Amino acid sequence: MLKFLKGLLKIAAVATGILFVIYFWNLDQKLMAWAYTQVNRIFDNKKTDIRF
């Protein structure tokens, strides 16, 4: 049982560390900005057919 708790604590500590790094360097917003740029590049190159 103690071995299981140590493993669980180690997993929780690693997950907390990873989440802190993502938060500290604002990596989630940087990833979203990169993805937004890629999506815009794809859709800006599409031919549009606008009829009213």
C-alpha atoms as a PDB file:
ATOM      1  CA  MET A   1       0.000   0.000   0.000  1.00  0.00           C
ATOM      2  CA  LEU A   2       2.833   2.382   0.843  1.00  0.00           C
ATOM      3  CA  LYS A   3       4.484   1.671  -2.530  1.00  0.00           C
ATOM      4  CA  PHE A   4       1.232   2.617  -4.279  1.00  0.00           C
ATOM      5  CA  LEU A   5       0.966   5.893  -2.346  1.00  0.00           C
ATOM      6  CA  LYS A   6       4.578   6.793  -3.159  1.00  0.00           C
ATOM      7  CA  GLY A   7       3.906   6.165  -6.852  1.00  0.00           C
ATOM      8  CA  LEU A   8       0.723   8.213  -6.722  1.00  0.00           C
ATOM      9  CA  LEU A   9       2.537  11.064  -4.961  1.00  0.00           C
ATOM     10  CA  LYS A  10       5.325  10.962  -7.543  1.00  0.00           C
ATOM     11  CA  ILE A  11       2.825  11.129 -10.424  1.00  0.00           C
ATOM     12  CA  ALA A  12       0.997  14.029  -8.756  1.00  0.00           C
ATOM     13  CA  ALA A  13       4.290  15.904  -8.203  1.00  0.00           C
ATOM     14  CA  VAL A  14       5.363  15.460 -11.841  1.00  0.00           C
ATOM     15  CA  ALA A  15       1.939  16.563 -13.115  1.00  0.00           C
ATOM     16  CA  THR A  16       2.014  19.630 -10.853  1.00  0.00           C
ATOM     17  CA  GLY A  17       5.504  20.511 -12.079  1.00  0.00           C
ATOM     18  CA  ILE A  18       4.508  20.205 -15.727  1.00  0.00           C
ATOM     19  CA  LEU A  19       1.388  22.312 -15.205  1.00  0.00           C
ATOM     20  CA  PHE A  20       3.425  24.966 -13.376  1.00  0.00           C
ATOM     21  CA  VAL A  21       5.896  25.228 -16.272  1.00  0.00           C
ATOM     22  CA  ILE A  22       3.016  25.563 -18.746  1.00  0.00           C
ATOM     23  CA  TYR A  23       1.440  28.278 -16.582  1.00  0.00           C
ATOM     24  CA  PHE A  24       4.697  30.129 -15.831  1.00  0.00           C
ATOM     25  CA  TRP A  25       5.798  30.483 -19.453  1.00  0.00           C
ATOM     26  CA  ASN A  26       2.248  30.921 -20.792  1.00  0.00           C
ATOM     27  CA  LEU A  27       2.787  28.000 -23.167  1.00  0.00           C
ATOM     28  CA  ASP A  28      -0.915  27.286 -23.654  1.00  0.00           C
ATOM     29  CA  GLN A  29      -1.541  30.718 -25.170  1.00  0.00           C
ATOM     30  CA  LYS A  30       1.573  30.462 -27.316  1.00  0.00           C
ATOM     31  CA  LEU A  31       0.380  27.106 -28.637  1.00  0.00           C
ATOM     32  CA  MET A  32      -3.076  28.526 -29.389  1.00  0.00           C
ATOM     33  CA  ALA A  33      -1.547  31.537 -31.178  1.00  0.00           C
ATOM     34  CA  TRP A  34       0.547  29.201 -33.340  1.00  0.00           C
ATOM     35  CA  ALA A  35      -2.488  27.006 -34.131  1.00  0.00           C
ATOM     36  CA  TYR A  36      -4.611  30.084 -34.927  1.00  0.00           C
ATOM     37  CA  THR A  37      -1.923  31.290 -37.352  1.00  0.00           C
ATOM     38  CA  GLN A  38      -1.831  27.906 -39.076  1.00  0.00           C
ATOM     39  CA  VAL A  39      -5.620  27.755 -39.431  1.00  0.00           C
ATOM     40  CA  ASN A  40      -5.728  31.304 -40.801  1.00  0.00           C
ATOM     41  CA  ARG A  41      -3.013  30.461 -43.325  1.00  0.00           C
ATOM     42  CA  ILE A  42      -5.062  27.477 -44.544  1.00  0.00           C
ATOM     43  CA  PHE A  43      -8.328  29.391 -44.842  1.00  0.00           C
ATOM     44  CA  ASP A  44      -6.759  32.531 -46.334  1.00  0.00           C
ATOM     45  CA  ASN A  45      -5.488  30.454 -49.257  1.00  0.00           C
ATOM     46  CA  LYS A  46      -8.913  28.934 -50.002  1.00  0.00           C
ATOM     47  CA  LYS A  47     -10.753  30.258 -52.986  1.00  0.00           C
ATOM     48  CA  THR A  48     -13.968  31.975 -51.993  1.00  0.00           C
ATOM     49  CA  ASP A  49     -17.207  32.031 -53.897  1.00  0.00           C
ATOM     50  CA  ILE A  50     -19.368  34.849 -52.591  1.00  0.00           C
ATOM     51  CA  ARG A  51     -22.768  35.250 -54.267  1.00  0.00           C
ATOM     52  CA  PHE A  52     -25.571  37.408 -53.013  1.00  0.00           C
END
